[in-house]
Protein backbone atom coordinates (compact mmCIF):
# COMPACT_ATOMS: atom_id res chain seq x y z
CA MET A 1 32.68 65.60 64.33
CA SER A 2 36.22 66.35 64.01
CA ALA A 3 38.66 63.77 65.25
CA ARG A 4 38.19 63.09 68.82
CA SER A 5 37.38 60.20 71.42
CA VAL A 6 33.95 59.33 72.20
CA GLU A 7 32.79 56.79 75.43
CA VAL A 8 31.22 53.67 73.72
CA ARG A 9 29.06 52.77 75.87
CA LEU A 10 27.14 48.98 75.74
CA VAL A 11 24.17 48.66 77.78
CA LYS A 12 22.01 45.28 78.24
CA ALA A 13 18.87 44.92 79.47
CA GLY A 14 19.66 48.42 81.53
CA ARG A 15 22.95 48.17 82.76
CA THR A 16 26.47 49.17 81.23
CA LYS A 17 27.70 45.91 80.29
CA ILE A 18 31.08 47.88 79.58
CA ALA A 19 32.14 51.39 78.72
CA TYR A 20 35.39 52.03 76.59
CA PRO A 21 37.51 55.13 74.47
CA ALA A 22 37.08 54.94 70.92
CA ASP A 23 38.70 57.37 68.39
CA VAL A 24 36.34 59.09 65.75
CA VAL A 25 37.17 57.82 62.26
CA ALA A 26 33.87 59.22 60.48
CA ASP A 27 30.78 60.55 61.04
CA ASP A 28 28.48 61.53 58.44
CA GLY A 29 25.46 61.72 60.42
CA VAL A 30 23.29 58.25 59.76
CA ARG A 31 26.98 56.26 60.61
CA LEU A 32 29.53 56.92 63.41
CA THR A 33 32.62 55.09 62.42
CA VAL A 34 35.52 54.38 65.37
CA THR A 35 38.22 52.75 66.36
CA ALA A 36 38.78 50.55 70.03
CA PRO A 37 41.76 48.82 70.92
CA TRP A 38 40.42 45.39 72.84
CA ALA A 39 38.25 46.54 75.80
CA ALA A 40 38.27 43.88 77.96
CA ASP A 41 40.62 42.56 80.55
CA GLY A 42 42.68 39.79 78.68
CA VAL A 43 41.87 37.20 76.53
CA ARG A 44 38.54 35.96 75.42
CA ASP A 45 38.17 32.47 73.99
CA PHE A 46 34.98 32.26 72.70
CA GLY A 47 36.03 28.82 70.82
CA PHE A 48 35.45 30.16 67.12
CA VAL A 49 37.53 33.47 67.30
CA ARG A 50 40.27 34.64 70.42
CA PHE A 51 39.55 38.46 71.15
CA GLU A 52 42.98 39.68 72.60
CA PRO A 53 44.85 42.69 74.34
CA GLY A 54 46.05 44.16 71.02
CA ASP A 55 42.91 43.40 68.92
CA VAL A 56 42.19 46.50 67.25
CA PHE A 57 38.19 47.52 66.83
CA THR A 58 36.45 49.82 63.45
CA GLU A 59 33.36 49.97 64.84
CA HIS A 60 30.52 51.21 62.31
CA PHE A 61 27.26 52.20 64.77
CA TRP A 62 24.13 53.22 62.72
CA ARG A 63 21.26 56.02 64.14
CA ASP A 64 18.90 54.72 61.97
CA ARG A 65 20.18 50.81 61.49
CA TRP A 66 19.42 47.79 64.37
CA TYR A 67 23.21 46.14 64.37
CA ALA A 68 26.39 47.17 64.97
CA VAL A 69 29.18 45.96 63.02
CA LYS A 70 32.53 44.99 64.03
CA GLU A 71 35.43 44.39 61.73
CA VAL A 72 37.98 42.83 64.09
CA ARG A 73 42.25 42.77 62.78
CA GLY A 74 44.81 40.92 65.56
CA PRO A 75 48.07 42.55 67.11
CA GLY A 76 49.77 42.46 63.82
CA GLY A 77 46.56 43.49 61.19
CA ALA A 78 45.76 40.28 60.27
CA LEU A 79 41.67 40.43 59.35
CA LYS A 80 39.95 38.04 61.97
CA GLY A 81 36.98 38.50 61.19
CA TRP A 82 33.45 40.88 61.36
CA TYR A 83 31.85 40.79 65.05
CA CYS A 84 27.70 41.80 64.91
CA ASP A 85 25.84 42.76 67.21
CA VAL A 86 22.37 43.47 66.99
CA THR A 87 21.13 47.12 68.15
CA ARG A 88 18.61 49.58 68.76
CA PRO A 89 19.50 52.16 66.76
CA ALA A 90 23.13 53.77 68.72
CA ARG A 91 22.24 56.95 70.41
CA VAL A 92 25.12 59.65 70.14
CA GLU A 93 24.63 61.80 73.17
CA GLY A 94 27.56 64.57 73.57
CA ASP A 95 30.73 62.48 73.30
CA THR A 96 29.29 59.47 74.46
CA VAL A 97 27.96 56.38 71.70
CA VAL A 98 25.01 54.66 74.15
CA VAL A 99 24.14 51.06 72.38
CA GLU A 100 21.75 48.51 73.80
CA ASP A 101 22.78 45.34 72.86
CA LEU A 102 19.80 43.15 71.88
CA ASP A 103 21.59 39.65 72.79
CA LEU A 104 21.75 38.54 69.14
CA ASP A 105 24.52 38.58 67.04
CA LEU A 106 26.88 37.07 64.46
CA TRP A 107 30.55 35.86 63.60
CA VAL A 108 31.61 36.24 60.26
CA PRO A 109 34.90 34.79 59.73
CA ALA A 110 37.67 36.26 57.83
CA ASP A 111 37.79 33.41 55.29
CA GLY A 112 33.71 33.73 55.29
CA ALA A 113 34.32 29.90 56.16
CA GLU A 114 31.08 29.54 58.83
CA ILE A 115 29.10 32.19 59.78
CA LEU A 116 27.23 31.50 62.93
CA ARG A 117 24.23 32.99 64.83
CA LEU A 118 24.94 33.85 67.89
CA ASP A 119 22.82 34.11 71.10
CA GLU A 120 19.51 33.16 70.50
CA ASP A 121 18.90 31.23 73.38
CA GLU A 122 19.65 34.45 75.32
CA PHE A 123 17.40 36.83 73.15
CA ALA A 124 14.91 34.01 73.92
CA ALA A 125 15.15 34.18 77.48
CA SER A 126 15.19 37.93 77.56
CA GLY A 127 11.27 38.09 77.36
CA LEU A 128 12.10 40.86 74.64
CA ALA A 129 9.02 39.77 72.64
CA GLU A 130 6.63 39.89 75.07
CA ARG A 131 7.82 43.24 77.19
CA ASP A 132 8.07 45.08 73.13
CA PRO A 133 7.21 43.34 70.16
CA ALA A 134 7.78 45.25 67.69
CA ALA A 135 11.62 46.37 68.81
CA ALA A 136 12.09 41.71 69.44
CA ALA A 137 10.36 41.95 65.27
CA ALA A 138 13.30 44.52 64.31
CA ALA A 139 16.04 42.72 66.22
CA GLN A 140 15.26 39.06 64.09
CA GLU A 141 15.00 41.32 60.69
CA ALA A 142 17.92 42.32 61.75
CA LEU A 143 19.60 39.28 62.36
CA ASP A 144 18.50 38.00 59.57
CA ALA A 145 19.42 41.66 57.13
CA LEU A 146 23.21 41.01 58.39
CA GLU A 147 23.37 37.36 58.30
CA ALA A 148 21.79 37.79 54.12
CA LEU A 149 24.81 40.35 53.60
CA ALA A 150 27.30 38.65 55.41
CA ARG A 151 26.73 35.01 52.67
CA ALA A 152 26.12 37.83 49.78
CA GLY A 153 29.99 39.30 51.50
CA ARG A 154 28.51 42.97 51.91
CA LEU A 155 28.75 43.35 55.59
CA PRO A 156 27.58 47.11 56.05
CA GLY A 157 30.67 49.06 56.42
CA THR A 158 32.95 46.70 55.52
CA ASP A 159 35.45 48.06 52.54
CA THR A 160 38.35 45.60 53.14
CA GLY A 161 38.38 43.26 50.59
CA PRO A 162 37.14 39.96 49.00
CA VAL A 163 35.94 37.70 51.28
CA THR A 164 34.74 34.68 49.79
CA GLY A 165 35.47 35.45 46.80
CA ALA A 166 32.43 38.74 46.92
CA ARG A 167 33.71 42.68 47.49
CA ARG A 168 32.73 43.83 50.71
CA GLY A 169 30.69 47.27 50.52
CA GLY A 170 27.31 48.99 51.08
CA GLY A 171 25.91 51.12 53.99
């Protein structure tokens, strides 16, 4: 892909949860990297991080992995951390990137202090384990892999330097 815009469409339970424009940074046929400003209206305070107008997300989507990694920077460029979504592998359909959210998430703060596994209760309540046991197992494995990579300071798709003393890289 050349430098262009795409629409990122996050789908949850068969419905579009959010769609937003993003600028393509790179696409090697396996990993697609885009940048986008915070796409929701207003501020979203999760308690452990606030997403707000002016935040910039550099998002890495894979066509062969069950997750997406999103580096989050504030309006002044300060790194807030990484929000990792467990998803089915991304599909690129023309100028649209379709990502199916599987409820599990991981938050890795910039200082690496407290890595948080999120929404495990929503995942359990989703019924995915009953409807699609293989997908549920892949989702659990993806969350475990993301946490292990984060604890080792090696989240895929990141190359922003040290976090908890380890060089980020890989993927």
